[in-house]
PDB file of N, CA and C in Angstrom:
ATOM      1  N   MET A   1      25.666 -29.911   0.583  1.00  0.00           N
ATOM      2  CA  MET A   1      25.174 -31.280   0.692  1.00  0.00           C
ATOM      3  C   MET A   1      24.602 -31.758  -0.646  1.00  0.00           C
ATOM      4  N   GLU A   2      23.835 -30.891  -1.310  1.00  0.00           N
ATOM      5  CA  GLU A   2      23.230 -31.267  -2.588  1.00  0.00           C
ATOM      6  C   GLU A   2      24.307 -31.611  -3.616  1.00  0.00           C
ATOM      7  N   GLN A   3      25.400 -30.832  -3.654  1.00  0.00           N
ATOM      8  CA  GLN A   3      26.464 -31.116  -4.604  1.00  0.00           C
ATOM      9  C   GLN A   3      27.201 -32.397  -4.253  1.00  0.00           C
ATOM     10  N   LEU A   4      27.313 -32.716  -2.971  1.00  0.00           N
ATOM     11  CA  LEU A   4      27.929 -33.984  -2.575  1.00  0.00           C
ATOM     12  C   LEU A   4      27.102 -35.163  -3.051  1.00  0.00           C
ATOM     13  N   ASP A   5      25.783 -35.062  -2.923  1.00  0.00           N
ATOM     14  CA  ASP A   5      24.900 -36.112  -3.423  1.00  0.00           C
ATOM     15  C   ASP A   5      25.047 -36.260  -4.926  1.00  0.00           C
ATOM     16  N   ALA A   6      25.070 -35.134  -5.623  1.00  0.00           N
ATOM     17  CA  ALA A   6      25.190 -35.167  -7.087  1.00  0.00           C
ATOM     18  C   ALA A   6      26.523 -35.780  -7.501  1.00  0.00           C
ATOM     19  N   ALA A   7      27.601 -35.424  -6.836  1.00  0.00           N
ATOM     20  CA  ALA A   7      28.915 -35.976  -7.161  1.00  0.00           C
ATOM     21  C   ALA A   7      28.945 -37.486  -6.957  1.00  0.00           C
ATOM     22  N   ALA A   8      28.306 -37.951  -5.907  1.00  0.00           N
ATOM     23  CA  ALA A   8      28.270 -39.391  -5.635  1.00  0.00           C
ATOM     24  C   ALA A   8      27.469 -40.146  -6.687  1.00  0.00           C
ATOM     25  N   LYS A   9      26.485 -39.486  -7.269  1.00  0.00           N
ATOM     26  CA  LYS A   9      25.628 -40.122  -8.272  1.00  0.00           C
ATOM     27  C   LYS A   9      26.168 -39.980  -9.690  1.00  0.00           C
ATOM     28  N   LEU A  10      27.254 -39.238  -9.859  1.00  0.00           N
ATOM     29  CA  LEU A  10      27.792 -38.947 -11.192  1.00  0.00           C
ATOM     30  C   LEU A  10      28.133 -40.192 -12.010  1.00  0.00           C
ATOM     31  N   PRO A  11      28.842 -41.179 -11.480  1.00  0.00           N
ATOM     32  CA  PRO A  11      29.150 -42.359 -12.295  1.00  0.00           C
ATOM     33  C   PRO A  11      27.899 -43.072 -12.825  1.00  0.00           C
ATOM     34  N   ALA A  12      26.891 -43.218 -12.003  1.00  0.00           N
ATOM     35  CA  ALA A  12      25.657 -43.872 -12.449  1.00  0.00           C
ATOM     36  C   ALA A  12      24.935 -43.031 -13.496  1.00  0.00           C
ATOM     37  N   PHE A  13      24.961 -41.705 -13.343  1.00  0.00           N
ATOM     38  CA  PHE A  13      24.333 -40.811 -14.310  1.00  0.00           C
ATOM     39  C   PHE A  13      25.034 -40.908 -15.664  1.00  0.00           C
ATOM     40  N   VAL A  14      26.353 -40.906 -15.648  1.00  0.00           N
ATOM     41  CA  VAL A  14      27.128 -41.036 -16.886  1.00  0.00           C
ATOM     42  C   VAL A  14      26.800 -42.362 -17.575  1.00  0.00           C
ATOM     43  N   GLU A  15      26.738 -43.426 -16.805  1.00  0.00           N
ATOM     44  CA  GLU A  15      26.407 -44.739 -17.368  1.00  0.00           C
ATOM     45  C   GLU A  15      25.014 -44.734 -18.005  1.00  0.00           C
ATOM     46  N   LYS A  16      24.061 -44.089 -17.366  1.00  0.00           N
ATOM     47  CA  LYS A  16      22.703 -44.006 -17.922  1.00  0.00           C
ATOM     48  C   LYS A  16      22.682 -43.208 -19.212  1.00  0.00           C
ATOM     49  N   ILE A  17      23.470 -42.152 -19.292  1.00  0.00           N
ATOM     50  CA  ILE A  17      23.536 -41.370 -20.528  1.00  0.00           C
ATOM     51  C   ILE A  17      24.085 -42.223 -21.668  1.00  0.00           C
ATOM     52  N   VAL A  18      25.175 -42.919 -21.425  1.00  0.00           N
ATOM     53  CA  VAL A  18      25.776 -43.772 -22.460  1.00  0.00           C
ATOM     54  C   VAL A  18      24.790 -44.855 -22.886  1.00  0.00           C
ATOM     55  N   ASP A  19      24.145 -45.505 -21.941  1.00  0.00           N
ATOM     56  CA  ASP A  19      23.153 -46.537 -22.261  1.00  0.00           C
ATOM     57  C   ASP A  19      22.002 -45.965 -23.086  1.00  0.00           C
ATOM     58  N   PHE A  20      21.520 -44.780 -22.721  1.00  0.00           N
ATOM     59  CA  PHE A  20      20.409 -44.150 -23.434  1.00  0.00           C
ATOM     60  C   PHE A  20      20.796 -43.833 -24.877  1.00  0.00           C
ATOM     61  N   VAL A  21      21.993 -43.298 -25.062  1.00  0.00           N
ATOM     62  CA  VAL A  21      22.476 -42.964 -26.401  1.00  0.00           C
ATOM     63  C   VAL A  21      22.570 -44.221 -27.253  1.00  0.00           C
ATOM     64  N   GLN A  22      23.131 -45.269 -26.697  1.00  0.00           N
ATOM     65  CA  GLN A  22      23.277 -46.522 -27.447  1.00  0.00           C
ATOM     66  C   GLN A  22      21.921 -47.167 -27.736  1.00  0.00           C
ATOM     67  N   THR A  23      21.056 -47.223 -26.755  1.00  0.00           N
ATOM     68  CA  THR A  23      19.744 -47.843 -26.923  1.00  0.00           C
ATOM     69  C   THR A  23      18.922 -47.156 -28.001  1.00  0.00           C
ATOM     70  N   ASN A  24      19.055 -45.829 -28.078  1.00  0.00           N
ATOM     71  CA  ASN A  24      18.246 -45.055 -29.011  1.00  0.00           C
ATOM     72  C   ASN A  24      18.964 -44.712 -30.314  1.00  0.00           C
ATOM     73  N   GLY A  25      20.178 -45.199 -30.483  1.00  0.00           N
ATOM     74  CA  GLY A  25      20.901 -45.004 -31.730  1.00  0.00           C
ATOM     75  C   GLY A  25      21.284 -43.568 -32.023  1.00  0.00           C
ATOM     76  N   PHE A  26      21.492 -42.771 -30.974  1.00  0.00           N
ATOM     77  CA  PHE A  26      21.905 -41.392 -31.188  1.00  0.00           C
ATOM     78  C   PHE A  26      23.352 -41.352 -31.662  1.00  0.00           C
ATOM     79  N   ASP A  27      23.698 -40.286 -32.364  1.00  0.00           N
ATOM     80  CA  ASP A  27      25.060 -40.192 -32.893  1.00  0.00           C
ATOM     81  C   ASP A  27      25.967 -39.285 -32.065  1.00  0.00           C
ATOM     82  N   GLY A  28      25.504 -38.843 -30.902  1.00  0.00           N
ATOM     83  CA  GLY A  28      26.333 -38.017 -30.042  1.00  0.00           C
ATOM     84  C   GLY A  28      25.538 -37.452 -28.885  1.00  0.00           C
ATOM     85  N   VAL A  29      26.244 -36.712 -28.030  1.00  0.00           N
ATOM     86  CA  VAL A  29      25.632 -36.053 -26.880  1.00  0.00           C
ATOM     87  C   VAL A  29      25.998 -34.579 -26.947  1.00  0.00           C
ATOM     88  N   ASP A  30      24.990 -33.719 -26.868  1.00  0.00           N
ATOM     89  CA  ASP A  30      25.206 -32.283 -26.862  1.00  0.00           C
ATOM     90  C   ASP A  30      24.795 -31.727 -25.506  1.00  0.00           C
ATOM     91  N   ILE A  31      25.699 -31.003 -24.874  1.00  0.00           N
ATOM     92  CA  ILE A  31      25.425 -30.389 -23.580  1.00  0.00           C
ATOM     93  C   ILE A  31      25.003 -28.944 -23.829  1.00  0.00           C
ATOM     94  N   ASP A  32      23.748 -28.656 -23.543  1.00  0.00           N
ATOM     95  CA  ASP A  32      23.201 -27.309 -23.757  1.00  0.00           C
ATOM     96  C   ASP A  32      22.331 -26.979 -22.556  1.00  0.00           C
ATOM     97  N   LEU A  33      22.957 -26.440 -21.517  1.00  0.00           N
ATOM     98  CA  LEU A  33      22.256 -26.130 -20.278  1.00  0.00           C
ATOM     99  C   LEU A  33      21.908 -24.655 -20.209  1.00  0.00           C
ATOM    100  N   GLU A  34      20.806 -24.350 -19.589  1.00  0.00           N
ATOM    101  CA  GLU A  34      20.520 -22.961 -19.250  1.00  0.00           C
ATOM    102  C   GLU A  34      21.506 -22.577 -18.147  1.00  0.00           C
ATOM    103  N   TRP A  35      22.099 -21.428 -18.271  1.00  0.00           N
ATOM    104  CA  TRP A  35      23.261 -21.109 -17.466  1.00  0.00           C
ATOM    105  C   TRP A  35      22.979 -20.911 -15.993  1.00  0.00           C
ATOM    106  N   GLN A  36      21.754 -20.669 -15.623  1.00  0.00           N
ATOM    107  CA  GLN A  36      21.466 -20.572 -14.189  1.00  0.00           C
ATOM    108  C   GLN A  36      21.607 -21.940 -13.510  1.00  0.00           C
ATOM    109  N   HIS A  37      21.703 -23.007 -14.309  1.00  0.00           N
ATOM    110  CA  HIS A  37      21.857 -24.349 -13.753  1.00  0.00           C
ATOM    111  C   HIS A  37      23.297 -24.845 -13.776  1.00  0.00           C
ATOM    112  N   VAL A  38      24.204 -24.054 -14.314  1.00  0.00           N
ATOM    113  CA  VAL A  38      25.618 -24.442 -14.344  1.00  0.00           C
ATOM    114  C   VAL A  38      26.225 -24.122 -12.987  1.00  0.00           C
ATOM    115  N   ASN A  39      26.872 -25.144 -12.405  1.00  0.00           N
ATOM    116  CA  ASN A  39      27.500 -24.954 -11.096  1.00  0.00           C
ATOM    117  C   ASN A  39      28.872 -25.612 -11.098  1.00  0.00           C
ATOM    118  N   ASP A  40      29.443 -25.797  -9.943  1.00  0.00           N
ATOM    119  CA  ASP A  40      30.793 -26.345  -9.847  1.00  0.00           C
ATOM    120  C   ASP A  40      30.890 -27.812 -10.262  1.00  0.00           C
ATOM    121  N   LEU A  41      29.774 -28.461 -10.498  1.00  0.00           N
ATOM    122  CA  LEU A  41      29.804 -29.853 -10.962  1.00  0.00           C
ATOM    123  C   LEU A  41      29.841 -29.961 -12.493  1.00  0.00           C
ATOM    124  N   TYR A  42      29.733 -28.830 -13.197  1.00  0.00           N
ATOM    125  CA  TYR A  42      29.718 -28.857 -14.655  1.00  0.00           C
ATOM    126  C   TYR A  42      30.975 -29.523 -15.216  1.00  0.00           C
ATOM    127  N   SER A  43      32.135 -29.015 -14.848  1.00  0.00           N
ATOM    128  CA  SER A  43      33.378 -29.568 -15.388  1.00  0.00           C
ATOM    129  C   SER A  43      33.628 -31.008 -14.950  1.00  0.00           C
ATOM    130  N   PRO A  44      33.435 -31.349 -13.678  1.00  0.00           N
ATOM    131  CA  PRO A  44      33.593 -32.765 -13.320  1.00  0.00           C
ATOM    132  C   PRO A  44      32.648 -33.677 -14.104  1.00  0.00           C
ATOM    133  N   PHE A  45      31.439 -33.213 -14.371  1.00  0.00           N
ATOM    134  CA  PHE A  45      30.491 -33.988 -15.179  1.00  0.00           C
ATOM    135  C   PHE A  45      31.030 -34.200 -16.586  1.00  0.00           C
ATOM    136  N   ILE A  46      31.514 -33.151 -17.218  1.00  0.00           N
ATOM    137  CA  ILE A  46      32.054 -33.263 -18.576  1.00  0.00           C
ATOM    138  C   ILE A  46      33.259 -34.197 -18.587  1.00  0.00           C
ATOM    139  N   LEU A  47      34.123 -34.045 -17.602  1.00  0.00           N
ATOM    140  CA  LEU A  47      35.340 -34.862 -17.558  1.00  0.00           C
ATOM    141  C   LEU A  47      35.053 -36.319 -17.229  1.00  0.00           C
ATOM    142  N   ALA A  48      33.936 -36.618 -16.602  1.00  0.00           N
ATOM    143  CA  ALA A  48      33.524 -38.009 -16.371  1.00  0.00           C
ATOM    144  C   ALA A  48      32.809 -38.569 -17.599  1.00  0.00           C
ATOM    145  N   LEU A  49      32.035 -37.733 -18.260  1.00  0.00           N
ATOM    146  CA  LEU A  49      31.261 -38.180 -19.418  1.00  0.00           C
ATOM    147  C   LEU A  49      32.145 -38.451 -20.634  1.00  0.00           C
ATOM    148  N   LYS A  50      33.143 -37.608 -20.869  1.00  0.00           N
ATOM    149  CA  LYS A  50      33.978 -37.713 -22.065  1.00  0.00           C
ATOM    150  C   LYS A  50      34.585 -39.095 -22.264  1.00  0.00           C
ATOM    151  N   PRO A  51      35.316 -39.651 -21.303  1.00  0.00           N
ATOM    152  CA  PRO A  51      35.935 -40.962 -21.554  1.00  0.00           C
ATOM    153  C   PRO A  51      34.913 -42.082 -21.735  1.00  0.00           C
ATOM    154  N   ALA A  52      33.784 -41.977 -21.063  1.00  0.00           N
ATOM    155  CA  ALA A  52      32.747 -43.002 -21.215  1.00  0.00           C
ATOM    156  C   ALA A  52      32.172 -42.978 -22.628  1.00  0.00           C
ATOM    157  N   LEU A  53      31.962 -41.781 -23.160  1.00  0.00           N
ATOM    158  CA  LEU A  53      31.463 -41.662 -24.535  1.00  0.00           C
ATOM    159  C   LEU A  53      32.543 -42.035 -25.540  1.00  0.00           C
ATOM    160  N   GLU A  54      33.743 -41.570 -25.302  1.00  0.00           N
ATOM    161  CA  GLU A  54      34.854 -41.831 -26.217  1.00  0.00           C
ATOM    162  C   GLU A  54      35.108 -43.327 -26.371  1.00  0.00           C
ATOM    163  N   ALA A  55      34.965 -44.068 -25.298  1.00  0.00           N
ATOM    164  CA  ALA A  55      35.164 -45.519 -25.346  1.00  0.00           C
ATOM    165  C   ALA A  55      34.172 -46.195 -26.287  1.00  0.00           C
ATOM    166  N   GLU A  56      33.033 -45.552 -26.507  1.00  0.00           N
ATOM    167  CA  GLU A  56      31.993 -46.104 -27.378  1.00  0.00           C
ATOM    168  C   GLU A  56      31.961 -45.404 -28.749  1.00  0.00           C
ATOM    169  N   GLY A  57      32.907 -44.498 -28.980  1.00  0.00           N
ATOM    170  CA  GLY A  57      32.952 -43.780 -30.250  1.00  0.00           C
ATOM    171  C   GLY A  57      31.850 -42.742 -30.403  1.00  0.00           C
ATOM    172  N   ILE A  58      31.373 -42.218 -29.294  1.00  0.00           N
ATOM    173  CA  ILE A  58      30.277 -41.247 -29.297  1.00  0.00           C
ATOM    174  C   ILE A  58      30.857 -39.853 -29.053  1.00  0.00           C
ATOM    175  N   PRO A  59      30.629 -38.903 -29.971  1.00  0.00           N
ATOM    176  CA  PRO A  59      31.166 -37.559 -29.770  1.00  0.00           C
ATOM    177  C   PRO A  59      30.390 -36.763 -28.720  1.00  0.00           C
ATOM    178  N   LEU A  60      31.092 -35.788 -28.147  1.00  0.00           N
ATOM    179  CA  LEU A  60      30.537 -34.904 -27.126  1.00  0.00           C
ATOM    180  C   LEU A  60      30.638 -33.468 -27.624  1.00  0.00           C
ATOM    181  N   THR A  61      29.510 -32.789 -27.698  1.00  0.00           N
ATOM    182  CA  THR A  61      29.482 -31.408 -28.162  1.00  0.00           C
ATOM    183  C   THR A  61      28.813 -30.529 -27.119  1.00  0.00           C
ATOM    184  N   ALA A  62      28.922 -29.211 -27.333  1.00  0.00           N
ATOM    185  CA  ALA A  62      28.310 -28.269 -26.398  1.00  0.00           C
ATOM    186  C   ALA A  62      27.825 -27.033 -27.127  1.00  0.00           C
ATOM    187  N   ALA A  63      26.843 -26.403 -26.552  1.00  0.00           N
ATOM    188  CA  ALA A  63      26.409 -25.073 -26.955  1.00  0.00           C
ATOM    189  C   ALA A  63      26.807 -24.139 -25.814  1.00  0.00           C
ATOM    190  N   LEU A  64      27.656 -23.173 -26.127  1.00  0.00           N
ATOM    191  CA  LEU A  64      28.180 -22.265 -25.106  1.00  0.00           C
ATOM    192  C   LEU A  64      27.935 -20.816 -25.511  1.00  0.00           C
ATOM    193  N   PRO A  65      27.906 -19.920 -24.536  1.00  0.00           N
ATOM    194  CA  PRO A  65      27.708 -18.510 -24.852  1.00  0.00           C
ATOM    195  C   PRO A  65      28.844 -17.973 -25.727  1.00  0.00           C
ATOM    196  N   GLY A  66      28.517 -17.059 -26.604  1.00  0.00           N
ATOM    197  CA  GLY A  66      29.512 -16.504 -27.503  1.00  0.00           C
ATOM    198  C   GLY A  66      30.316 -15.358 -26.930  1.00  0.00           C
ATOM    199  N   SER A  67      29.888 -14.814 -25.808  1.00  0.00           N
ATOM    200  CA  SER A  67      30.581 -13.629 -25.310  1.00  0.00           C
ATOM    201  C   SER A  67      31.071 -13.749 -23.865  1.00  0.00           C
ATOM    202  N   TYR A  68      30.879 -14.896 -23.251  1.00  0.00           N
ATOM    203  CA  TYR A  68      31.279 -15.041 -21.847  1.00  0.00           C
ATOM    204  C   TYR A  68      31.642 -16.492 -21.570  1.00  0.00           C
ATOM    205  N   ARG A  69      32.761 -16.701 -20.927  1.00  0.00           N
ATOM    206  CA  ARG A  69      33.136 -18.053 -20.509  1.00  0.00           C
ATOM    207  C   ARG A  69      32.873 -18.176 -19.015  1.00  0.00           C
ATOM    208  N   TYR A  70      31.941 -19.017 -18.693  1.00  0.00           N
ATOM    209  CA  TYR A  70      31.586 -19.213 -17.288  1.00  0.00           C
ATOM    210  C   TYR A  70      32.763 -19.826 -16.539  1.00  0.00           C
ATOM    211  N   PRO A  71      33.057 -19.342 -15.347  1.00  0.00           N
ATOM    212  CA  PRO A  71      34.224 -19.838 -14.616  1.00  0.00           C
ATOM    213  C   PRO A  71      34.117 -21.313 -14.233  1.00  0.00           C
ATOM    214  N   GLN A  72      32.912 -21.867 -14.244  1.00  0.00           N
ATOM    215  CA  GLN A  72      32.745 -23.283 -13.919  1.00  0.00           C
ATOM    216  C   GLN A  72      33.228 -24.198 -15.057  1.00  0.00           C
ATOM    217  N   ILE A  73      33.489 -23.626 -16.217  1.00  0.00           N
ATOM    218  CA  ILE A  73      33.971 -24.416 -17.354  1.00  0.00           C
ATOM    219  C   ILE A  73      35.492 -24.317 -17.366  1.00  0.00           C
ATOM    220  N   THR A  74      36.135 -25.336 -16.864  1.00  0.00           N
ATOM    221  CA  THR A  74      37.596 -25.341 -16.795  1.00  0.00           C
ATOM    222  C   THR A  74      38.186 -25.589 -18.179  1.00  0.00           C
ATOM    223  N   ALA A  75      39.462 -25.270 -18.328  1.00  0.00           N
ATOM    224  CA  ALA A  75      40.153 -25.513 -19.597  1.00  0.00           C
ATOM    225  C   ALA A  75      40.121 -26.995 -19.984  1.00  0.00           C
ATOM    226  N   PRO A  76      40.371 -27.935 -19.048  1.00  0.00           N
ATOM    227  CA  PRO A  76      40.280 -29.351 -19.426  1.00  0.00           C
ATOM    228  C   PRO A  76      38.868 -29.757 -19.872  1.00  0.00           C
ATOM    229  N   ALA A  77      37.851 -29.209 -19.231  1.00  0.00           N
ATOM    230  CA  ALA A  77      36.479 -29.530 -19.637  1.00  0.00           C
ATOM    231  C   ALA A  77      36.195 -28.972 -21.022  1.00  0.00           C
ATOM    232  N   LEU A  78      36.628 -27.771 -21.279  1.00  0.00           N
ATOM    233  CA  LEU A  78      36.428 -27.169 -22.590  1.00  0.00           C
ATOM    234  C   LEU A  78      37.149 -27.985 -23.665  1.00  0.00           C
ATOM    235  N   ALA A  79      38.333 -28.435 -23.360  1.00  0.00           N
ATOM    236  CA  ALA A  79      39.107 -29.238 -24.315  1.00  0.00           C
ATOM    237  C   ALA A  79      38.501 -30.623 -24.545  1.00  0.00           C
ATOM    238  N   ALA A  80      37.637 -31.075 -23.656  1.00  0.00           N
ATOM    239  CA  ALA A  80      37.037 -32.406 -23.787  1.00  0.00           C
ATOM    240  C   ALA A  80      35.984 -32.467 -24.892  1.00  0.00           C
ATOM    241  N   PHE A  81      35.433 -31.329 -25.282  1.00  0.00           N
ATOM    242  CA  PHE A  81      34.387 -31.334 -26.306  1.00  0.00           C
ATOM    243  C   PHE A  81      34.990 -31.590 -27.685  1.00  0.00           C
ATOM    244  N   ASP A  82      34.282 -32.382 -28.472  1.00  0.00           N
ATOM    245  CA  ASP A  82      34.691 -32.625 -29.849  1.00  0.00           C
ATOM    246  C   ASP A  82      34.297 -31.459 -30.753  1.00  0.00           C
ATOM    247  N   TRP A  83      33.273 -30.739 -30.353  1.00  0.00           N
ATOM    248  CA  TRP A  83      32.763 -29.621 -31.140  1.00  0.00           C
ATOM    249  C   TRP A  83      32.053 -28.672 -30.185  1.00  0.00           C
ATOM    250  N   VAL A  84      32.209 -27.375 -30.406  1.00  0.00           N
ATOM    251  CA  VAL A  84      31.521 -26.374 -29.590  1.00  0.00           C
ATOM    252  C   VAL A  84      30.762 -25.437 -30.522  1.00  0.00           C
ATOM    253  N   ASN A  85      29.481 -25.290 -30.268  1.00  0.00           N
ATOM    254  CA  ASN A  85      28.655 -24.316 -30.974  1.00  0.00           C
ATOM    255  C   ASN A  85      28.534 -23.090 -30.088  1.00  0.00           C
ATOM    256  N   LEU A  86      28.844 -21.930 -30.650  1.00  0.00           N
ATOM    257  CA  LEU A  86      28.720 -20.695 -29.886  1.00  0.00           C
ATOM    258  C   LEU A  86      27.362 -20.071 -30.150  1.00  0.00           C
ATOM    259  N   MET A  87      26.670 -19.754 -29.082  1.00  0.00           N
ATOM    260  CA  MET A  87      25.352 -19.126 -29.193  1.00  0.00           C
ATOM    261  C   MET A  87      25.554 -17.622 -29.346  1.00  0.00           C
ATOM    262  N   ILE A  88      25.637 -17.183 -30.590  1.00  0.00           N
ATOM    263  CA  ILE A  88      25.925 -15.775 -30.867  1.00  0.00           C
ATOM    264  C   ILE A  88      24.740 -15.070 -31.544  1.00  0.00           C
ATOM    265  N   TYR A  89      23.596 -15.692 -31.507  1.00  0.00           N
ATOM    266  CA  TYR A  89      22.457 -15.117 -32.212  1.00  0.00           C
ATOM    267  C   TYR A  89      22.014 -13.774 -31.647  1.00  0.00           C
ATOM    268  N   ASP A  90      22.395 -13.438 -30.433  1.00  0.00           N
ATOM    269  CA  ASP A  90      22.073 -12.126 -29.872  1.00  0.00           C
ATOM    270  C   ASP A  90      23.160 -11.091 -30.161  1.00  0.00           C
ATOM    271  N   LEU A  91      24.260 -11.524 -30.746  1.00  0.00           N
ATOM    272  CA  LEU A  91      25.372 -10.614 -31.007  1.00  0.00           C
ATOM    273  C   LEU A  91      25.302 -10.109 -32.442  1.00  0.00           C
ATOM    274  N   THR A  92      24.367  -9.221 -32.688  1.00  0.00           N
ATOM    275  CA  THR A  92      24.182  -8.700 -34.034  1.00  0.00           C
ATOM    276  C   THR A  92      24.736  -7.279 -34.105  1.00  0.00           C
ATOM    277  N   GLY A  93      25.047  -6.872 -35.310  1.00  0.00           N
ATOM    278  CA  GLY A  93      25.549  -5.527 -35.533  1.00  0.00           C
ATOM    279  C   GLY A  93      24.411  -4.528 -35.624  1.00  0.00           C
ATOM    280  N   PRO A  94      24.741  -3.296 -35.959  1.00  0.00           N
ATOM    281  CA  PRO A  94      23.704  -2.273 -36.084  1.00  0.00           C
ATOM    282  C   PRO A  94      22.676  -2.628 -37.150  1.00  0.00           C
ATOM    283  N   VAL A  95      21.451  -2.313 -36.888  1.00  0.00           N
ATOM    284  CA  VAL A  95      20.369  -2.590 -37.822  1.00  0.00           C
ATOM    285  C   VAL A  95      20.203  -1.389 -38.747  1.00  0.00           C
ATOM    286  N   GLY A  96      20.038  -1.650 -40.038  1.00  0.00           N
ATOM    287  CA  GLY A  96      19.720  -0.597 -41.000  1.00  0.00           C
ATOM    288  C   GLY A  96      20.912   0.199 -41.492  1.00  0.00           C
ATOM    289  N   THR A  97      22.121  -0.299 -41.298  1.00  0.00           N
ATOM    290  CA  THR A  97      23.263   0.446 -41.826  1.00  0.00           C
ATOM    291  C   THR A  97      23.800  -0.165 -43.090  1.00  0.00           C
TER     292      THR A  97
END
């Protein structure tokens, strides 16, 4: 039920994001969620947000894990990002060698 409510509110949420970016003169939108909050609405959200931002010339970026691709991130959603930053700061080599 909660996801149905969220899906129904998605168009209005996307519109608010675009309005906020324009009102505040931001140069893009970066999606950087803590992964316990990523669910099956992640990809539909990205796929709804992308064309709305693109129509206004606003890029869409993401911060994603460097060693795991969450199954909720579909190939089309991944392809929608203009830039992806991989969070690899925990992937270090041996210390002191």
